């Protein structure tokens, strides 16, 4: 440091955000996607599966988005983004190739907003997700390494195969039956715990759904008769 000159202040490294994990019910909610390219396309399909009411704002859209539009599954506003386009939106995704537009969307949004690949403009990030029917496992590295999150998701896909989709659909029916017929709370809790035990999960993988359903029906009948 030169004598007589003030000491330089070192720039502080911003504290990384600590994300709160949650799953959103978007059914019937207005979601706005700004952008109509491949990135926007990837974001739209999961939103439609969540039964959101999707509005796409973009002068141009991909063929796949065009097909969705023809099926009247989305509303398309065929022009550039304008202030006011986010009115009444529950969630917003900015997916244009213009950093300036994406920043404006982030600034204008008074709700949940995600700007693709720009974490500092988001108030939530989208994790890497594995879906097996009702089973939904989300993996996040808090934005540190999306590639690692994808790798872990693929590992989980090997562990939890399609048999878990079928098992959970059956479990939903069994649960309804248990709630209707087993009135003792302790018995219900013990039964639900067993149906999610390591023993039963191993049987799902090794012997298949048919054997597991036999076990579940047997346990249910015992719980009823006690």
Foldseek 3Di string as FASTA:
>chain_A
DDPPDDDDDDDDDDDADDDDDDDDQQAAAEEEEEAAEPVSVVVVVVSVVSNHAYEYEELDHDPVVVVCVVVVSYHYHNDHDDQPPCPRHQEYEYEHPDPVSLLVCLVRDPHAYYYPPPVVSGPDDAFDWDDQAVDIDGFDPSSPDNPVRNVVNVVVCVVDDNLVSVLVVVVVVLLVVCVVQQPDPVLSVVLVDVCPDPVLSVCCVPVNDVVSVVVSVVSSVVSNVD
